[in-house]
Amino acid sequence: MRLAGLLISLLAATALAQVAPSVPDGAESRTQTKIQVNFLNSCRPAKADAEEMGRALAQVKERPRFAADFEISRGVTMLTEAESEALTEARAGATKGGAAKPSRWVRIRKEFPEKTLLTDAQYSLSVEGNSASETLALHLRDSKEVLQILISDSVTGSAAQVVKANTPPDRIRIERFGKGSIVLARCGTMDQSAYEPLFKAADGIFERYRAAMAVRAVVPAELARLPRGKESKAAETNH
């Protein structure tokens, strides 16, 4: 009897050892899920990304020749305190914080003829208090690589000063088809000498498009048609 009991115990232990441990529903899929995080280094993009950015900028270096179609719009947008703080934090020399502020803006959109590299170009200038920012957006036609090229700057000063100054860009962004964006931005005192040719190329493009879109004449005239609050008048007076 003892031998029979011992055999039964050994068989039971063997059976238990062969039973897989129970796994809660969904636990296995959770443990196998992989999360990939892409870190965008806008101060020092990788060499391959910088080369691709250079090729994209080289495509649009010529003086633009627009079609007859164009559009000019203007407006005032009341930014919430959070939006205003986020915007001023991104601008060099701007003061962070404060209550909601009006953002006065002008946009110029120009179309290109059919069968050209670009479909359209859009220049925009926005002014909030004593800070202004410019953005040039170029949209490529039927491109399988680059969808959009964005060149921008942010400065402290009035709109009149900005449009006359031809301020060099401090940020370049390449939007790609099916891939992540490539971004290059000015980063304080960091050594970015390797990227100076890219900033110089973007500056030349920005300057040519400002001239071709008559920014110096159009933007001040359109801003003059907008209602001006006390804050906007004070900013113009101080600058």
C-alpha atoms as a PDB file:
ATOM      1  CA  MET A   1       0.000   0.000   0.000  1.00  0.00           C
ATOM      2  CA  ARG A   2       2.835   2.356   0.818  1.00  0.00           C
ATOM      3  CA  LEU A   3       4.398   1.655  -2.587  1.00  0.00           C
ATOM      4  CA  ALA A   4       1.111   2.281  -4.368  1.00  0.00           C
ATOM      5  CA  GLY A   5       0.614   5.548  -2.471  1.00  0.00           C
ATOM      6  CA  LEU A   6       4.124   6.673  -3.334  1.00  0.00           C
ATOM      7  CA  LEU A   7       3.563   5.941  -7.036  1.00  0.00           C
ATOM      8  CA  ILE A   8       0.316   7.902  -7.007  1.00  0.00           C
ATOM      9  CA  SER A   9       2.055  10.892  -5.371  1.00  0.00           C
ATOM     10  CA  LEU A  10       4.882  10.854  -7.948  1.00  0.00           C
ATOM     11  CA  LEU A  11       2.422  10.702 -10.846  1.00  0.00           C
ATOM     12  CA  ALA A  12       0.436  13.628  -9.430  1.00  0.00           C
ATOM     13  CA  ALA A  13       3.580  15.731  -8.983  1.00  0.00           C
ATOM     14  CA  THR A  14       4.673  14.994 -12.553  1.00  0.00           C
ATOM     15  CA  ALA A  15       1.272  16.028 -13.906  1.00  0.00           C
ATOM     16  CA  LEU A  16       1.349  19.302 -11.978  1.00  0.00           C
ATOM     17  CA  ALA A  17       4.841  20.060 -13.260  1.00  0.00           C
ATOM     18  CA  GLN A  18       3.627  19.699 -16.848  1.00  0.00           C
ATOM     19  CA  VAL A  19       0.720  22.105 -16.452  1.00  0.00           C
ATOM     20  CA  ALA A  20       1.595  25.577 -17.771  1.00  0.00           C
ATOM     21  CA  PRO A  21       1.073  28.418 -15.310  1.00  0.00           C
ATOM     22  CA  SER A  22      -2.150  30.320 -15.836  1.00  0.00           C
ATOM     23  CA  VAL A  23      -1.755  33.702 -17.581  1.00  0.00           C
ATOM     24  CA  PRO A  24      -4.431  36.405 -17.244  1.00  0.00           C
ATOM     25  CA  ASP A  25      -6.207  37.331 -20.470  1.00  0.00           C
ATOM     26  CA  GLY A  26      -4.225  39.919 -22.397  1.00  0.00           C
ATOM     27  CA  ALA A  27      -1.140  39.669 -20.166  1.00  0.00           C
ATOM     28  CA  GLU A  28       0.944  37.895 -22.813  1.00  0.00           C
ATOM     29  CA  SER A  29       0.128  40.491 -25.475  1.00  0.00           C
ATOM     30  CA  ARG A  30       0.960  43.280 -23.057  1.00  0.00           C
ATOM     31  CA  THR A  31       4.357  41.838 -22.226  1.00  0.00           C
ATOM     32  CA  GLN A  32       5.189  41.442 -25.934  1.00  0.00           C
ATOM     33  CA  THR A  33       4.160  44.969 -26.952  1.00  0.00           C
ATOM     34  CA  LYS A  34       7.120  47.118 -27.987  1.00  0.00           C
ATOM     35  CA  ILE A  35       7.036  50.881 -27.773  1.00  0.00           C
ATOM     36  CA  GLN A  36       9.386  52.816 -30.020  1.00  0.00           C
ATOM     37  CA  VAL A  37      10.199  56.436 -29.215  1.00  0.00           C
ATOM     38  CA  ASN A  38      11.842  58.595 -31.883  1.00  0.00           C
ATOM     39  CA  PHE A  39      13.939  61.417 -30.456  1.00  0.00           C
ATOM     40  CA  LEU A  40      14.049  64.479 -32.693  1.00  0.00           C
ATOM     41  CA  ASN A  41      17.352  66.304 -32.288  1.00  0.00           C
ATOM     42  CA  SER A  42      16.630  69.723 -33.766  1.00  0.00           C
ATOM     43  CA  CYS A  43      19.934  71.215 -32.571  1.00  0.00           C
ATOM     44  CA  ARG A  44      22.168  68.624 -34.218  1.00  0.00           C
ATOM     45  CA  PRO A  45      20.292  66.438 -36.698  1.00  0.00           C
ATOM     46  CA  ALA A  46      22.032  63.334 -38.001  1.00  0.00           C
ATOM     47  CA  LYS A  47      24.355  63.673 -40.982  1.00  0.00           C
ATOM     48  CA  ALA A  48      21.979  61.775 -43.287  1.00  0.00           C
ATOM     49  CA  ASP A  49      19.064  64.000 -42.236  1.00  0.00           C
ATOM     50  CA  ALA A  50      21.122  67.163 -42.734  1.00  0.00           C
ATOM     51  CA  GLU A  51      22.106  66.001 -46.225  1.00  0.00           C
ATOM     52  CA  GLU A  52      18.466  65.294 -47.085  1.00  0.00           C
ATOM     53  CA  MET A  53      17.485  68.741 -45.818  1.00  0.00           C
ATOM     54  CA  GLY A  54      20.170  70.272 -48.020  1.00  0.00           C
ATOM     55  CA  ARG A  55      18.811  68.444 -51.087  1.00  0.00           C
ATOM     56  CA  ALA A  56      15.281  69.632 -50.325  1.00  0.00           C
ATOM     57  CA  LEU A  57      16.367  73.262 -49.964  1.00  0.00           C
ATOM     58  CA  ALA A  58      18.401  73.050 -53.182  1.00  0.00           C
ATOM     59  CA  GLN A  59      15.222  72.206 -55.113  1.00  0.00           C
ATOM     60  CA  VAL A  60      13.616  75.564 -54.284  1.00  0.00           C
ATOM     61  CA  LYS A  61      16.622  77.900 -54.422  1.00  0.00           C
ATOM     62  CA  GLU A  62      15.586  79.586 -57.672  1.00  0.00           C
ATOM     63  CA  ARG A  63      13.590  82.815 -57.741  1.00  0.00           C
ATOM     64  CA  PRO A  64       9.878  81.911 -57.733  1.00  0.00           C
ATOM     65  CA  ARG A  65       7.679  82.551 -60.761  1.00  0.00           C
ATOM     66  CA  PHE A  66       4.065  82.565 -59.665  1.00  0.00           C
ATOM     67  CA  ALA A  67       0.818  82.043 -61.528  1.00  0.00           C
ATOM     68  CA  ALA A  68      -1.873  84.742 -61.528  1.00  0.00           C
ATOM     69  CA  ASP A  69      -3.863  83.202 -58.648  1.00  0.00           C
ATOM     70  CA  PHE A  70      -3.198  84.538 -55.158  1.00  0.00           C
ATOM     71  CA  GLU A  71      -4.909  85.096 -51.815  1.00  0.00           C
ATOM     72  CA  ILE A  72      -4.344  87.575 -48.978  1.00  0.00           C
ATOM     73  CA  SER A  73      -6.018  87.192 -45.585  1.00  0.00           C
ATOM     74  CA  ARG A  74      -5.706  88.928 -42.242  1.00  0.00           C
ATOM     75  CA  GLY A  75      -7.232  88.656 -38.795  1.00  0.00           C
ATOM     76  CA  VAL A  76      -7.006  88.853 -35.032  1.00  0.00           C
ATOM     77  CA  THR A  77      -6.947  85.714 -32.897  1.00  0.00           C
ATOM     78  CA  MET A  78      -7.418  85.872 -29.142  1.00  0.00           C
ATOM     79  CA  LEU A  79      -4.945  83.452 -27.608  1.00  0.00           C
ATOM     80  CA  THR A  80      -5.694  81.798 -24.280  1.00  0.00           C
ATOM     81  CA  GLU A  81      -3.154  82.238 -21.493  1.00  0.00           C
ATOM     82  CA  ALA A  82      -1.780  78.728 -22.136  1.00  0.00           C
ATOM     83  CA  GLU A  83      -1.463  79.348 -25.881  1.00  0.00           C
ATOM     84  CA  SER A  84       0.164  82.713 -25.329  1.00  0.00           C
ATOM     85  CA  GLU A  85       2.645  81.237 -22.844  1.00  0.00           C
ATOM     86  CA  ALA A  86       3.542  78.373 -25.184  1.00  0.00           C
ATOM     87  CA  LEU A  87       4.058  80.780 -28.068  1.00  0.00           C
ATOM     88  CA  THR A  88       6.196  83.251 -26.156  1.00  0.00           C
ATOM     89  CA  GLU A  89       8.282  80.439 -24.680  1.00  0.00           C
ATOM     90  CA  ALA A  90       9.193  79.344 -28.217  1.00  0.00           C
ATOM     91  CA  ARG A  91      10.279  82.847 -29.253  1.00  0.00           C
ATOM     92  CA  ALA A  92      13.749  84.103 -28.469  1.00  0.00           C
ATOM     93  CA  GLY A  93      13.794  87.090 -26.153  1.00  0.00           C
ATOM     94  CA  ALA A  94      10.064  86.971 -25.407  1.00  0.00           C
ATOM     95  CA  THR A  95       8.681  87.296 -21.912  1.00  0.00           C
ATOM     96  CA  LYS A  96       6.870  84.245 -20.626  1.00  0.00           C
ATOM     97  CA  GLY A  97       3.529  84.415 -18.879  1.00  0.00           C
ATOM     98  CA  GLY A  98       0.764  86.977 -18.674  1.00  0.00           C
ATOM     99  CA  ALA A  99      -2.903  87.090 -19.548  1.00  0.00           C
ATOM    100  CA  ALA A 100      -4.467  86.195 -22.876  1.00  0.00           C
ATOM    101  CA  LYS A 101      -3.282  88.405 -25.726  1.00  0.00           C
ATOM    102  CA  PRO A 102      -4.512  89.202 -29.230  1.00  0.00           C
ATOM    103  CA  SER A 103      -2.434  87.840 -32.079  1.00  0.00           C
ATOM    104  CA  ARG A 104      -2.657  89.959 -35.246  1.00  0.00           C
ATOM    105  CA  TRP A 105      -1.703  88.153 -38.429  1.00  0.00           C
ATOM    106  CA  VAL A 106      -1.446  88.439 -42.214  1.00  0.00           C
ATOM    107  CA  ARG A 107      -1.142  85.576 -44.721  1.00  0.00           C
ATOM    108  CA  ILE A 108      -0.145  85.762 -48.383  1.00  0.00           C
ATOM    109  CA  ARG A 109      -0.700  82.734 -50.599  1.00  0.00           C
ATOM    110  CA  LYS A 110       0.635  82.467 -54.142  1.00  0.00           C
ATOM    111  CA  GLU A 111      -0.051  79.685 -56.645  1.00  0.00           C
ATOM    112  CA  PHE A 112       2.438  78.205 -59.117  1.00  0.00           C
ATOM    113  CA  PRO A 113       1.718  77.242 -62.730  1.00  0.00           C
ATOM    114  CA  GLU A 114       0.864  73.619 -63.499  1.00  0.00           C
ATOM    115  CA  LYS A 115       3.667  71.130 -64.081  1.00  0.00           C
ATOM    116  CA  THR A 116       6.074  73.012 -61.827  1.00  0.00           C
ATOM    117  CA  LEU A 117       7.874  71.682 -58.767  1.00  0.00           C
ATOM    118  CA  LEU A 118       5.713  73.577 -56.250  1.00  0.00           C
ATOM    119  CA  THR A 119       1.941  73.902 -55.986  1.00  0.00           C
ATOM    120  CA  ASP A 120       1.896  77.027 -53.803  1.00  0.00           C
ATOM    121  CA  ALA A 121       3.812  79.178 -51.344  1.00  0.00           C
ATOM    122  CA  GLN A 122       2.382  80.737 -48.206  1.00  0.00           C
ATOM    123  CA  TYR A 123       3.967  83.522 -46.174  1.00  0.00           C
ATOM    124  CA  SER A 124       2.519  84.473 -42.797  1.00  0.00           C
ATOM    125  CA  LEU A 125       3.438  87.050 -40.173  1.00  0.00           C
ATOM    126  CA  SER A 126       1.891  87.123 -36.713  1.00  0.00           C
ATOM    127  CA  VAL A 127       2.378  89.765 -34.025  1.00  0.00           C
ATOM    128  CA  GLU A 128       1.692  89.289 -30.337  1.00  0.00           C
ATOM    129  CA  GLY A 129       2.640  92.200 -28.098  1.00  0.00           C
ATOM    130  CA  ASN A 130       6.242  93.125 -28.894  1.00  0.00           C
ATOM    131  CA  SER A 131       7.050  89.771 -30.529  1.00  0.00           C
ATOM    132  CA  ALA A 132       6.654  88.797 -34.162  1.00  0.00           C
ATOM    133  CA  SER A 133       7.163  85.615 -36.145  1.00  0.00           C
ATOM    134  CA  GLU A 134       7.383  84.875 -39.855  1.00  0.00           C
ATOM    135  CA  THR A 135       6.794  81.547 -41.589  1.00  0.00           C
ATOM    136  CA  LEU A 136       7.264  80.520 -45.201  1.00  0.00           C
ATOM    137  CA  ALA A 137       5.583  77.265 -46.249  1.00  0.00           C
ATOM    138  CA  LEU A 138       6.389  75.689 -49.616  1.00  0.00           C
ATOM    139  CA  HIS A 139       4.267  72.761 -50.806  1.00  0.00           C
ATOM    140  CA  LEU A 140       5.739  70.375 -53.351  1.00  0.00           C
ATOM    141  CA  ARG A 141       3.697  68.864 -56.174  1.00  0.00           C
ATOM    142  CA  ASP A 142       3.392  65.062 -56.492  1.00  0.00           C
ATOM    143  CA  SER A 143       6.490  64.462 -54.407  1.00  0.00           C
ATOM    144  CA  LYS A 144       7.175  60.986 -53.044  1.00  0.00           C
ATOM    145  CA  GLU A 145       9.726  62.264 -50.550  1.00  0.00           C
ATOM    146  CA  VAL A 146       9.266  65.864 -49.398  1.00  0.00           C
ATOM    147  CA  LEU A 147       5.746  67.193 -48.835  1.00  0.00           C
ATOM    148  CA  GLN A 148       6.426  70.596 -47.318  1.00  0.00           C
ATOM    149  CA  ILE A 149       9.317  72.912 -46.484  1.00  0.00           C
ATOM    150  CA  LEU A 150       8.842  75.313 -43.574  1.00  0.00           C
ATOM    151  CA  ILE A 151      11.255  78.184 -42.843  1.00  0.00           C
ATOM    152  CA  SER A 152      10.549  80.502 -39.911  1.00  0.00           C
ATOM    153  CA  ASP A 153      11.941  83.102 -37.538  1.00  0.00           C
ATOM    154  CA  SER A 154      10.829  84.683 -34.272  1.00  0.00           C
ATOM    155  CA  VAL A 155      12.076  88.051 -33.052  1.00  0.00           C
ATOM    156  CA  THR A 156      11.327  90.866 -30.645  1.00  0.00           C
ATOM    157  CA  GLY A 157      10.154  93.950 -32.506  1.00  0.00           C
ATOM    158  CA  SER A 158       7.298  95.519 -34.400  1.00  0.00           C
ATOM    159  CA  ALA A 159       5.843  94.198 -37.630  1.00  0.00           C
ATOM    160  CA  ALA A 160       7.290  97.145 -39.538  1.00  0.00           C
ATOM    161  CA  GLN A 161      10.769  96.316 -38.273  1.00  0.00           C
ATOM    162  CA  VAL A 162      10.422  92.630 -39.075  1.00  0.00           C
ATOM    163  CA  VAL A 163       9.357  93.010 -42.711  1.00  0.00           C
ATOM    164  CA  LYS A 164      12.182  95.495 -43.392  1.00  0.00           C
ATOM    165  CA  ALA A 165      14.917  93.511 -41.684  1.00  0.00           C
ATOM    166  CA  ASN A 166      14.981  90.266 -43.713  1.00  0.00           C
ATOM    167  CA  THR A 167      15.570  88.421 -40.437  1.00  0.00           C
ATOM    168  CA  PRO A 168      17.551  85.183 -40.917  1.00  0.00           C
ATOM    169  CA  PRO A 169      15.520  82.044 -40.141  1.00  0.00           C
ATOM    170  CA  ASP A 170      16.041  80.277 -36.851  1.00  0.00           C
ATOM    171  CA  ARG A 171      14.100  77.109 -37.710  1.00  0.00           C
ATOM    172  CA  ILE A 172      13.848  74.824 -40.755  1.00  0.00           C
ATOM    173  CA  ARG A 173      11.430  71.907 -40.981  1.00  0.00           C
ATOM    174  CA  ILE A 174      11.107  69.311 -43.752  1.00  0.00           C
ATOM    175  CA  GLU A 175       7.866  67.321 -43.764  1.00  0.00           C
ATOM    176  CA  ARG A 176       8.382  63.956 -45.490  1.00  0.00           C
ATOM    177  CA  PHE A 177       6.048  61.410 -47.030  1.00  0.00           C
ATOM    178  CA  GLY A 178       5.756  58.317 -44.817  1.00  0.00           C
ATOM    179  CA  LYS A 179       8.658  59.389 -42.589  1.00  0.00           C
ATOM    180  CA  GLY A 180       9.286  61.614 -39.617  1.00  0.00           C
ATOM    181  CA  SER A 181      10.075  65.294 -40.035  1.00  0.00           C
ATOM    182  CA  ILE A 182      13.600  66.705 -40.161  1.00  0.00           C
ATOM    183  CA  VAL A 183      14.080  69.834 -38.047  1.00  0.00           C
ATOM    184  CA  LEU A 184      17.014  72.187 -37.596  1.00  0.00           C
ATOM    185  CA  ALA A 185      16.770  75.063 -35.104  1.00  0.00           C
ATOM    186  CA  ARG A 186      19.108  77.651 -33.647  1.00  0.00           C
ATOM    187  CA  CYS A 187      20.113  76.505 -30.177  1.00  0.00           C
ATOM    188  CA  GLY A 188      21.679  79.343 -28.209  1.00  0.00           C
ATOM    189  CA  THR A 189      25.445  79.177 -27.822  1.00  0.00           C
ATOM    190  CA  MET A 190      25.744  75.591 -29.099  1.00  0.00           C
ATOM    191  CA  ASP A 191      28.305  75.082 -31.856  1.00  0.00           C
ATOM    192  CA  GLN A 192      26.261  74.585 -35.031  1.00  0.00           C
ATOM    193  CA  SER A 193      28.939  75.574 -37.546  1.00  0.00           C
ATOM    194  CA  ALA A 194      28.398  72.322 -39.445  1.00  0.00           C
ATOM    195  CA  TYR A 195      24.841  73.418 -40.225  1.00  0.00           C
ATOM    196  CA  GLU A 196      25.587  76.987 -41.315  1.00  0.00           C
ATOM    197  CA  PRO A 197      25.288  76.104 -45.042  1.00  0.00           C
ATOM    198  CA  LEU A 198      21.705  74.949 -44.369  1.00  0.00           C
ATOM    199  CA  PHE A 199      20.799  78.132 -42.485  1.00  0.00           C
ATOM    200  CA  LYS A 200      22.408  80.199 -45.254  1.00  0.00           C
ATOM    201  CA  ALA A 201      20.458  78.350 -47.965  1.00  0.00           C
ATOM    202  CA  ALA A 202      17.204  78.810 -46.061  1.00  0.00           C
ATOM    203  CA  ASP A 203      17.962  82.499 -45.550  1.00  0.00           C
ATOM    204  CA  GLY A 204      18.441  82.991 -49.291  1.00  0.00           C
ATOM    205  CA  ILE A 205      15.137  81.245 -50.045  1.00  0.00           C
ATOM    206  CA  PHE A 206      13.291  83.305 -47.431  1.00  0.00           C
ATOM    207  CA  GLU A 207      14.717  86.553 -48.792  1.00  0.00           C
ATOM    208  CA  ARG A 208      13.770  85.733 -52.402  1.00  0.00           C
ATOM    209  CA  TYR A 209      10.216  84.795 -51.478  1.00  0.00           C
ATOM    210  CA  ARG A 210       9.723  87.894 -49.322  1.00  0.00           C
ATOM    211  CA  ALA A 211      10.668  89.993 -52.330  1.00  0.00           C
ATOM    212  CA  ALA A 212       8.591  88.016 -54.829  1.00  0.00           C
ATOM    213  CA  MET A 213       5.521  88.162 -52.563  1.00  0.00           C
ATOM    214  CA  ALA A 214       5.931  91.909 -51.927  1.00  0.00           C
ATOM    215  CA  VAL A 215       5.930  91.366 -48.171  1.00  0.00           C
ATOM    216  CA  ARG A 216       7.298  94.832 -47.340  1.00  0.00           C
ATOM    217  CA  ALA A 217       4.372  96.541 -49.074  1.00  0.00           C
ATOM    218  CA  VAL A 218       1.519  94.096 -48.462  1.00  0.00           C
ATOM    219  CA  VAL A 219       1.944  93.153 -44.793  1.00  0.00           C
ATOM    220  CA  PRO A 220       2.032  96.667 -43.229  1.00  0.00           C
ATOM    221  CA  ALA A 221      -0.938  97.736 -45.367  1.00  0.00           C
ATOM    222  CA  GLU A 222      -2.995  94.716 -44.305  1.00  0.00           C
ATOM    223  CA  LEU A 223      -2.064  95.069 -40.624  1.00  0.00           C
ATOM    224  CA  ALA A 224      -3.138  98.726 -40.765  1.00  0.00           C
ATOM    225  CA  ARG A 225      -6.668  97.571 -41.603  1.00  0.00           C
ATOM    226  CA  LEU A 226      -6.947  95.510 -38.430  1.00  0.00           C
ATOM    227  CA  PRO A 227      -8.314  96.893 -35.153  1.00  0.00           C
ATOM    228  CA  ARG A 228      -5.497  97.803 -32.818  1.00  0.00           C
ATOM    229  CA  GLY A 229      -5.751  97.435 -29.064  1.00  0.00           C
ATOM    230  CA  LYS A 230      -3.855  99.414 -26.464  1.00  0.00           C
ATOM    231  CA  GLU A 231      -1.199  96.731 -26.206  1.00  0.00           C
ATOM    232  CA  SER A 232      -0.460  96.744 -29.933  1.00  0.00           C
ATOM    233  CA  LYS A 233      -0.223 100.550 -30.034  1.00  0.00           C
ATOM    234  CA  ALA A 234       2.128 100.571 -27.059  1.00  0.00           C
ATOM    235  CA  ALA A 235       4.358  97.955 -28.725  1.00  0.00           C
ATOM    236  CA  GLU A 236       4.612 100.001 -31.925  1.00  0.00           C
ATOM    237  CA  THR A 237       5.362 103.164 -29.933  1.00  0.00           C
ATOM    238  CA  ASN A 238       8.123 101.485 -27.900  1.00  0.00           C
ATOM    239  CA  HIS A 239       9.821 100.188 -31.044  1.00  0.00           C
END
